[in-house]
Amino acid sequence: MTATLSESAAFWASIATLWGAAAAWFTYFGTVWRNRKDRDAGVRTLLSGLNAELEVVNDWAGGNGSGYPSEMEDVRKEQPGWFVPSRLIFSFQCPIIHGLTQSPYLRELQPIVTDVVALSRSITRLFDFYGEYRAYATSHPALYDAVTTKIGLAQGRPVPLTEQEQTYVSQIGSCNAQMHLQLIGGKDSPDPLCLYKTYCAAKDSITSLERNLTPSAFPVWYWVLHLTAGAAIVKGLLLASHWVGWL
């Protein structure tokens, strides 16, 4: 039996429809799978950057220990360097921490957002205060030079200061004490936004996220469509084989 031209066209059109639908589904699935893979790689790269910045913050926050005590009995005796106006603190850059909420992977990073934003605020607060402190220290050039010179010449011995110089040095020490004991803080700090506590919280959150970071499973209906598309391909092959035998 010989098929007519119209019958042949209709037959192969039906097979093309089956195979075309299957190909469209597998193309779509491949695109979704690649996008998921790329997002997973992007999240892991971002977490690596966060960990690198946390290593820098760690040196400031004292994350390897218990940080600074909430108070000291005699700050001048325990930390004489805090009363030296020429003492400098070098800041650091952490663009990933500060810009986390602008990340395209914010949905995947939800478990760590709150803690990292709190850490960002602690860092900003610390360096804003440090900027004000340095402005005060250098806004009195005569006192700055006189005190710095006397401290340098004393070589560890008691420094004879005028009343004005003593007031200036006391303010310098007070600012440094506030930066270290309150803004950086430690395990016993009453301030939940001290750098030590927000650093530890962010570190724990990121570690937990990395430990539990696994690609999300595809919905069940994806696999149903997989089977349907596979069946369409098989049916098309069987029909084509039957057609060849028929001819």
C-alpha atoms as a PDB file:
ATOM      1  CA  MET A   1       0.000   0.000   0.000  1.00  0.00           C
ATOM      2  CA  THR A   2       1.334   3.392  -1.039  1.00  0.00           C
ATOM      3  CA  ALA A   3       0.540   6.562   0.942  1.00  0.00           C
ATOM      4  CA  THR A   4      -0.572   9.678  -0.842  1.00  0.00           C
ATOM      5  CA  LEU A   5       1.476  12.851  -0.702  1.00  0.00           C
ATOM      6  CA  SER A   6      -0.968  14.492   1.685  1.00  0.00           C
ATOM      7  CA  GLU A   7      -0.915  11.454   3.976  1.00  0.00           C
ATOM      8  CA  SER A   8       2.903  11.461   4.014  1.00  0.00           C
ATOM      9  CA  ALA A   9       3.008  15.172   4.801  1.00  0.00           C
ATOM     10  CA  ALA A  10       0.499  14.822   7.619  1.00  0.00           C
ATOM     11  CA  PHE A  11       2.322  11.819   9.042  1.00  0.00           C
ATOM     12  CA  TRP A  12       5.757  13.432   9.119  1.00  0.00           C
ATOM     13  CA  ALA A  13       4.278  16.655  10.401  1.00  0.00           C
ATOM     14  CA  SER A  14       2.878  14.766  13.402  1.00  0.00           C
ATOM     15  CA  ILE A  15       6.282  13.208  14.076  1.00  0.00           C
ATOM     16  CA  ALA A  16       7.959  16.612  13.727  1.00  0.00           C
ATOM     17  CA  THR A  17       5.469  17.994  16.239  1.00  0.00           C
ATOM     18  CA  LEU A  18       6.312  15.250  18.754  1.00  0.00           C
ATOM     19  CA  TRP A  19      10.051  15.716  18.360  1.00  0.00           C
ATOM     20  CA  GLY A  20       9.788  19.508  18.268  1.00  0.00           C
ATOM     21  CA  ALA A  21       7.872  19.589  21.546  1.00  0.00           C
ATOM     22  CA  ALA A  22      10.415  17.271  23.173  1.00  0.00           C
ATOM     23  CA  ALA A  23      13.326  19.359  21.846  1.00  0.00           C
ATOM     24  CA  ALA A  24      11.717  22.565  23.111  1.00  0.00           C
ATOM     25  CA  TRP A  25      11.316  21.105  26.590  1.00  0.00           C
ATOM     26  CA  PHE A  26      14.886  19.796  26.796  1.00  0.00           C
ATOM     27  CA  THR A  27      16.203  23.146  25.504  1.00  0.00           C
ATOM     28  CA  TYR A  28      14.244  24.967  28.193  1.00  0.00           C
ATOM     29  CA  PHE A  29      15.411  22.555  30.876  1.00  0.00           C
ATOM     30  CA  GLY A  30      19.037  22.946  29.771  1.00  0.00           C
ATOM     31  CA  THR A  31      18.739  26.731  30.037  1.00  0.00           C
ATOM     32  CA  VAL A  32      17.237  26.500  33.525  1.00  0.00           C
ATOM     33  CA  TRP A  33      19.898  24.013  34.617  1.00  0.00           C
ATOM     34  CA  ARG A  34      22.739  26.230  33.344  1.00  0.00           C
ATOM     35  CA  ASN A  35      21.236  29.285  35.049  1.00  0.00           C
ATOM     36  CA  ARG A  36      21.005  27.405  38.337  1.00  0.00           C
ATOM     37  CA  LYS A  37      24.578  26.195  37.957  1.00  0.00           C
ATOM     38  CA  ASP A  38      25.797  29.736  37.226  1.00  0.00           C
ATOM     39  CA  ARG A  39      23.909  31.160  40.223  1.00  0.00           C
ATOM     40  CA  ASP A  40      25.341  28.469  42.492  1.00  0.00           C
ATOM     41  CA  ALA A  41      28.856  29.299  41.287  1.00  0.00           C
ATOM     42  CA  GLY A  42      28.152  33.012  41.765  1.00  0.00           C
ATOM     43  CA  VAL A  43      26.944  32.491  45.339  1.00  0.00           C
ATOM     44  CA  ARG A  44      30.004  30.407  46.199  1.00  0.00           C
ATOM     45  CA  THR A  45      32.315  33.036  44.694  1.00  0.00           C
ATOM     46  CA  LEU A  46      30.602  35.777  46.699  1.00  0.00           C
ATOM     47  CA  LEU A  47      30.924  33.718  49.900  1.00  0.00           C
ATOM     48  CA  SER A  48      34.639  33.285  49.191  1.00  0.00           C
ATOM     49  CA  GLY A  49      34.938  37.066  48.921  1.00  0.00           C
ATOM     50  CA  LEU A  50      33.049  37.520  52.183  1.00  0.00           C
ATOM     51  CA  ASN A  51      35.374  35.075  53.937  1.00  0.00           C
ATOM     52  CA  ALA A  52      38.411  36.963  52.629  1.00  0.00           C
ATOM     53  CA  GLU A  53      37.034  40.234  54.023  1.00  0.00           C
ATOM     54  CA  LEU A  54      36.168  38.548  57.322  1.00  0.00           C
ATOM     55  CA  GLU A  55      39.811  37.532  57.667  1.00  0.00           C
ATOM     56  CA  VAL A  56      40.715  41.219  57.549  1.00  0.00           C
ATOM     57  CA  VAL A  57      37.977  42.162  60.015  1.00  0.00           C
ATOM     58  CA  ASN A  58      39.151  39.372  62.323  1.00  0.00           C
ATOM     59  CA  ASP A  59      42.403  41.228  63.040  1.00  0.00           C
ATOM     60  CA  TRP A  60      40.343  44.166  64.289  1.00  0.00           C
ATOM     61  CA  ALA A  61      37.555  42.317  66.038  1.00  0.00           C
ATOM     62  CA  GLY A  62      39.790  39.910  67.929  1.00  0.00           C
ATOM     63  CA  GLY A  63      37.679  37.022  66.664  1.00  0.00           C
ATOM     64  CA  ASN A  64      40.309  34.473  67.665  1.00  0.00           C
ATOM     65  CA  GLY A  65      39.929  35.417  71.334  1.00  0.00           C
ATOM     66  CA  SER A  66      37.379  37.107  73.536  1.00  0.00           C
ATOM     67  CA  GLY A  67      38.028  40.664  72.356  1.00  0.00           C
ATOM     68  CA  TYR A  68      38.388  43.604  74.748  1.00  0.00           C
ATOM     69  CA  PRO A  69      36.908  43.649  78.267  1.00  0.00           C
ATOM     70  CA  SER A  70      33.901  45.866  78.808  1.00  0.00           C
ATOM     71  CA  GLU A  71      35.967  48.077  81.132  1.00  0.00           C
ATOM     72  CA  MET A  72      39.489  48.501  82.542  1.00  0.00           C
ATOM     73  CA  GLU A  73      40.455  49.539  86.064  1.00  0.00           C
ATOM     74  CA  ASP A  74      43.354  51.747  84.956  1.00  0.00           C
ATOM     75  CA  VAL A  75      43.282  52.420  81.219  1.00  0.00           C
ATOM     76  CA  ARG A  76      46.342  54.672  81.286  1.00  0.00           C
ATOM     77  CA  LYS A  77      48.417  51.962  82.959  1.00  0.00           C
ATOM     78  CA  GLU A  78      47.134  49.048  80.879  1.00  0.00           C
ATOM     79  CA  GLN A  79      47.088  50.844  77.511  1.00  0.00           C
ATOM     80  CA  PRO A  80      49.537  53.762  77.578  1.00  0.00           C
ATOM     81  CA  GLY A  81      49.620  53.839  73.773  1.00  0.00           C
ATOM     82  CA  TRP A  82      46.002  54.988  73.679  1.00  0.00           C
ATOM     83  CA  PHE A  83      47.097  58.334  75.119  1.00  0.00           C
ATOM     84  CA  VAL A  84      49.592  59.079  72.334  1.00  0.00           C
ATOM     85  CA  PRO A  85      48.030  61.504  69.808  1.00  0.00           C
ATOM     86  CA  SER A  86      50.270  60.319  66.963  1.00  0.00           C
ATOM     87  CA  ARG A  87      48.955  56.768  67.248  1.00  0.00           C
ATOM     88  CA  LEU A  88      47.341  55.818  63.947  1.00  0.00           C
ATOM     89  CA  ILE A  89      44.830  53.145  63.008  1.00  0.00           C
ATOM     90  CA  PHE A  90      44.736  52.018  59.400  1.00  0.00           C
ATOM     91  CA  SER A  91      41.279  51.288  58.042  1.00  0.00           C
ATOM     92  CA  PHE A  92      40.396  48.540  55.589  1.00  0.00           C
ATOM     93  CA  GLN A  93      38.055  48.125  52.657  1.00  0.00           C
ATOM     94  CA  CYS A  94      35.221  45.592  52.652  1.00  0.00           C
ATOM     95  CA  PRO A  95      33.012  46.362  49.623  1.00  0.00           C
ATOM     96  CA  ILE A  96      31.309  42.959  49.598  1.00  0.00           C
ATOM     97  CA  ILE A  97      30.197  43.288  53.214  1.00  0.00           C
ATOM     98  CA  HIS A  98      28.926  46.834  52.684  1.00  0.00           C
ATOM     99  CA  GLY A  99      27.252  46.027  49.351  1.00  0.00           C
ATOM    100  CA  LEU A 100      25.677  42.663  50.176  1.00  0.00           C
ATOM    101  CA  THR A 101      22.093  43.926  49.925  1.00  0.00           C
ATOM    102  CA  GLN A 102      22.771  44.951  46.302  1.00  0.00           C
ATOM    103  CA  SER A 103      23.901  41.455  45.322  1.00  0.00           C
ATOM    104  CA  PRO A 104      21.956  39.696  42.539  1.00  0.00           C
ATOM    105  CA  TYR A 105      22.078  36.577  44.743  1.00  0.00           C
ATOM    106  CA  LEU A 106      20.230  38.160  47.645  1.00  0.00           C
ATOM    107  CA  ARG A 107      17.532  35.462  47.596  1.00  0.00           C
ATOM    108  CA  GLU A 108      20.111  32.717  48.205  1.00  0.00           C
ATOM    109  CA  LEU A 109      21.885  34.841  50.830  1.00  0.00           C
ATOM    110  CA  GLN A 110      18.822  35.579  52.978  1.00  0.00           C
ATOM    111  CA  PRO A 111      20.113  33.523  55.966  1.00  0.00           C
ATOM    112  CA  ILE A 112      23.167  35.790  56.358  1.00  0.00           C
ATOM    113  CA  VAL A 113      21.827  39.203  55.337  1.00  0.00           C
ATOM    114  CA  THR A 114      20.800  40.406  58.804  1.00  0.00           C
ATOM    115  CA  ASP A 115      24.121  39.509  60.428  1.00  0.00           C
ATOM    116  CA  VAL A 116      26.285  40.877  57.601  1.00  0.00           C
ATOM    117  CA  VAL A 117      24.334  44.157  57.524  1.00  0.00           C
ATOM    118  CA  ALA A 118      24.851  44.469  61.292  1.00  0.00           C
ATOM    119  CA  LEU A 119      28.590  43.881  60.778  1.00  0.00           C
ATOM    120  CA  SER A 120      28.640  46.544  58.062  1.00  0.00           C
ATOM    121  CA  ARG A 121      27.028  49.003  60.470  1.00  0.00           C
ATOM    122  CA  SER A 122      29.585  48.185  63.183  1.00  0.00           C
ATOM    123  CA  ILE A 123      32.487  48.780  60.796  1.00  0.00           C
ATOM    124  CA  THR A 124      31.020  52.053  59.569  1.00  0.00           C
ATOM    125  CA  ARG A 125      30.323  53.221  63.099  1.00  0.00           C
ATOM    126  CA  LEU A 126      33.890  52.434  64.190  1.00  0.00           C
ATOM    127  CA  PHE A 127      35.588  54.290  61.367  1.00  0.00           C
ATOM    128  CA  ASP A 128      33.188  57.231  61.496  1.00  0.00           C
ATOM    129  CA  PHE A 129      34.144  57.680  65.142  1.00  0.00           C
ATOM    130  CA  TYR A 130      37.821  57.214  64.308  1.00  0.00           C
ATOM    131  CA  GLY A 131      37.536  59.959  61.693  1.00  0.00           C
ATOM    132  CA  GLU A 132      36.075  62.324  64.288  1.00  0.00           C
ATOM    133  CA  TYR A 133      38.794  61.355  66.752  1.00  0.00           C
ATOM    134  CA  ARG A 134      41.605  62.046  64.262  1.00  0.00           C
ATOM    135  CA  ALA A 135      39.982  65.369  63.371  1.00  0.00           C
ATOM    136  CA  TYR A 136      40.084  66.317  67.055  1.00  0.00           C
ATOM    137  CA  ALA A 137      43.670  65.094  67.527  1.00  0.00           C
ATOM    138  CA  THR A 138      45.004  67.088  64.570  1.00  0.00           C
ATOM    139  CA  SER A 139      42.851  70.178  65.090  1.00  0.00           C
ATOM    140  CA  HIS A 140      45.182  71.275  67.901  1.00  0.00           C
ATOM    141  CA  PRO A 141      48.562  71.300  66.124  1.00  0.00           C
ATOM    142  CA  ALA A 142      50.428  73.088  68.905  1.00  0.00           C
ATOM    143  CA  LEU A 143      49.249  70.626  71.547  1.00  0.00           C
ATOM    144  CA  TYR A 144      49.790  67.712  69.162  1.00  0.00           C
ATOM    145  CA  ASP A 145      53.423  68.674  68.500  1.00  0.00           C
ATOM    146  CA  ALA A 146      54.193  69.495  72.138  1.00  0.00           C
ATOM    147  CA  VAL A 147      52.733  66.288  73.554  1.00  0.00           C
ATOM    148  CA  THR A 148      54.208  64.081  70.832  1.00  0.00           C
ATOM    149  CA  THR A 149      57.652  65.611  71.368  1.00  0.00           C
ATOM    150  CA  LYS A 150      57.511  65.225  75.151  1.00  0.00           C
ATOM    151  CA  ILE A 151      56.361  61.608  74.916  1.00  0.00           C
ATOM    152  CA  GLY A 152      59.133  60.827  72.434  1.00  0.00           C
ATOM    153  CA  LEU A 153      61.828  62.374  74.634  1.00  0.00           C
ATOM    154  CA  ALA A 154      60.525  60.739  77.820  1.00  0.00           C
ATOM    155  CA  GLN A 155      61.276  57.227  76.496  1.00  0.00           C
ATOM    156  CA  GLY A 156      58.849  55.559  78.863  1.00  0.00           C
ATOM    157  CA  ARG A 157      59.440  57.824  81.865  1.00  0.00           C
ATOM    158  CA  PRO A 158      56.623  59.975  83.347  1.00  0.00           C
ATOM    159  CA  VAL A 159      55.832  62.887  81.054  1.00  0.00           C
ATOM    160  CA  PRO A 160      55.515  66.372  82.603  1.00  0.00           C
ATOM    161  CA  LEU A 161      52.493  67.978  80.965  1.00  0.00           C
ATOM    162  CA  THR A 162      50.797  71.300  81.402  1.00  0.00           C
ATOM    163  CA  GLU A 163      47.158  71.377  82.469  1.00  0.00           C
ATOM    164  CA  GLN A 164      46.047  72.055  78.922  1.00  0.00           C
ATOM    165  CA  GLU A 165      48.228  69.255  77.573  1.00  0.00           C
ATOM    166  CA  GLN A 166      46.924  66.887  80.243  1.00  0.00           C
ATOM    167  CA  THR A 167      43.324  67.674  79.259  1.00  0.00           C
ATOM    168  CA  TYR A 168      44.199  67.066  75.613  1.00  0.00           C
ATOM    169  CA  VAL A 169      45.922  63.745  76.359  1.00  0.00           C
ATOM    170  CA  SER A 170      43.033  62.608  78.565  1.00  0.00           C
ATOM    171  CA  GLN A 171      40.596  63.266  75.729  1.00  0.00           C
ATOM    172  CA  ILE A 172      42.822  61.314  73.331  1.00  0.00           C
ATOM    173  CA  GLY A 173      42.881  58.385  75.747  1.00  0.00           C
ATOM    174  CA  SER A 174      39.126  58.577  76.287  1.00  0.00           C
ATOM    175  CA  CYS A 175      38.456  58.426  72.558  1.00  0.00           C
ATOM    176  CA  ASN A 176      40.729  55.422  72.132  1.00  0.00           C
ATOM    177  CA  ALA A 177      39.136  53.680  75.094  1.00  0.00           C
ATOM    178  CA  GLN A 178      35.693  54.230  73.613  1.00  0.00           C
ATOM    179  CA  MET A 179      36.811  52.863  70.250  1.00  0.00           C
ATOM    180  CA  HIS A 180      38.353  49.724  71.695  1.00  0.00           C
ATOM    181  CA  LEU A 181      36.215  48.910  74.719  1.00  0.00           C
ATOM    182  CA  GLN A 182      32.836  49.940  73.321  1.00  0.00           C
ATOM    183  CA  LEU A 183      32.882  50.051  69.525  1.00  0.00           C
ATOM    184  CA  ILE A 184      35.161  47.041  69.035  1.00  0.00           C
ATOM    185  CA  GLY A 185      34.219  45.450  72.339  1.00  0.00           C
ATOM    186  CA  GLY A 186      34.392  41.806  73.235  1.00  0.00           C
ATOM    187  CA  LYS A 187      32.515  38.776  74.458  1.00  0.00           C
ATOM    188  CA  ASP A 188      31.305  40.559  77.612  1.00  0.00           C
ATOM    189  CA  SER A 189      30.268  43.771  75.872  1.00  0.00           C
ATOM    190  CA  PRO A 190      26.697  44.910  76.615  1.00  0.00           C
ATOM    191  CA  ASP A 191      26.435  46.414  73.123  1.00  0.00           C
ATOM    192  CA  PRO A 192      25.100  43.881  70.551  1.00  0.00           C
ATOM    193  CA  LEU A 193      26.443  46.087  67.755  1.00  0.00           C
ATOM    194  CA  CYS A 194      30.053  46.084  68.933  1.00  0.00           C
ATOM    195  CA  LEU A 195      32.398  44.877  66.190  1.00  0.00           C
ATOM    196  CA  TYR A 196      33.372  41.715  68.058  1.00  0.00           C
ATOM    197  CA  LYS A 197      29.787  40.451  68.392  1.00  0.00           C
ATOM    198  CA  THR A 198      28.614  41.340  64.890  1.00  0.00           C
ATOM    199  CA  TYR A 199      31.776  39.795  63.432  1.00  0.00           C
ATOM    200  CA  CYS A 200      31.238  36.521  65.315  1.00  0.00           C
ATOM    201  CA  ALA A 201      27.561  36.422  64.338  1.00  0.00           C
ATOM    202  CA  ALA A 202      28.329  37.073  60.650  1.00  0.00           C
ATOM    203  CA  LYS A 203      31.103  34.481  60.664  1.00  0.00           C
ATOM    204  CA  ASP A 204      28.819  31.839  62.161  1.00  0.00           C
ATOM    205  CA  SER A 205      26.020  32.641  59.705  1.00  0.00           C
ATOM    206  CA  ILE A 206      28.296  32.411  56.674  1.00  0.00           C
ATOM    207  CA  THR A 207      29.855  29.156  57.889  1.00  0.00           C
ATOM    208  CA  SER A 208      26.381  27.675  58.425  1.00  0.00           C
ATOM    209  CA  LEU A 209      25.215  28.769  54.968  1.00  0.00           C
ATOM    210  CA  GLU A 210      28.286  27.246  53.302  1.00  0.00           C
ATOM    211  CA  ARG A 211      27.747  24.000  55.176  1.00  0.00           C
ATOM    212  CA  ASN A 212      24.118  23.757  54.067  1.00  0.00           C
ATOM    213  CA  LEU A 213      24.503  25.218  50.582  1.00  0.00           C
ATOM    214  CA  THR A 214      23.121  22.676  48.129  1.00  0.00           C
ATOM    215  CA  PRO A 215      21.422  23.212  44.755  1.00  0.00           C
ATOM    216  CA  SER A 216      17.651  23.271  45.106  1.00  0.00           C
ATOM    217  CA  ALA A 217      15.840  20.247  43.703  1.00  0.00           C
ATOM    218  CA  PHE A 218      13.791  20.577  40.540  1.00  0.00           C
ATOM    219  CA  PRO A 219       9.993  20.349  40.996  1.00  0.00           C
ATOM    220  CA  VAL A 220       8.345  16.976  40.425  1.00  0.00           C
ATOM    221  CA  TRP A 221       6.560  18.245  37.335  1.00  0.00           C
ATOM    222  CA  TYR A 222       9.965  18.762  35.683  1.00  0.00           C
ATOM    223  CA  TRP A 223      10.531  15.014  35.807  1.00  0.00           C
ATOM    224  CA  VAL A 224       6.979  14.336  34.599  1.00  0.00           C
ATOM    225  CA  LEU A 225       7.707  16.494  31.549  1.00  0.00           C
ATOM    226  CA  HIS A 226      11.046  14.718  31.139  1.00  0.00           C
ATOM    227  CA  LEU A 227       9.202  11.395  30.872  1.00  0.00           C
ATOM    228  CA  THR A 228       6.586  12.905  28.580  1.00  0.00           C
ATOM    229  CA  ALA A 229       9.226  14.365  26.260  1.00  0.00           C
ATOM    230  CA  GLY A 230      11.133  11.074  26.242  1.00  0.00           C
ATOM    231  CA  ALA A 231       7.944   9.205  25.436  1.00  0.00           C
ATOM    232  CA  ALA A 232       7.251  11.626  22.573  1.00  0.00           C
ATOM    233  CA  ILE A 233      10.667  10.895  21.076  1.00  0.00           C
ATOM    234  CA  VAL A 234      10.190   7.134  21.419  1.00  0.00           C
ATOM    235  CA  LYS A 235       6.695   7.323  19.925  1.00  0.00           C
ATOM    236  CA  GLY A 236       8.035   9.322  17.001  1.00  0.00           C
ATOM    237  CA  LEU A 237      10.728   6.719  16.373  1.00  0.00           C
ATOM    238  CA  LEU A 238       8.198   3.871  16.532  1.00  0.00           C
ATOM    239  CA  LEU A 239       5.858   5.644  14.136  1.00  0.00           C
ATOM    240  CA  ALA A 240       8.709   6.369  11.754  1.00  0.00           C
ATOM    241  CA  SER A 241       9.822   2.717  11.892  1.00  0.00           C
ATOM    242  CA  HIS A 242       6.257   1.587  11.259  1.00  0.00           C
ATOM    243  CA  TRP A 243       5.994   3.971   8.301  1.00  0.00           C
ATOM    244  CA  VAL A 244       9.186   2.638   6.761  1.00  0.00           C
ATOM    245  CA  GLY A 245       7.890  -0.933   7.167  1.00  0.00           C
ATOM    246  CA  TRP A 246       4.563   0.104   5.729  1.00  0.00           C
ATOM    247  CA  LEU A 247       6.242   1.486   2.647  1.00  0.00           C
END
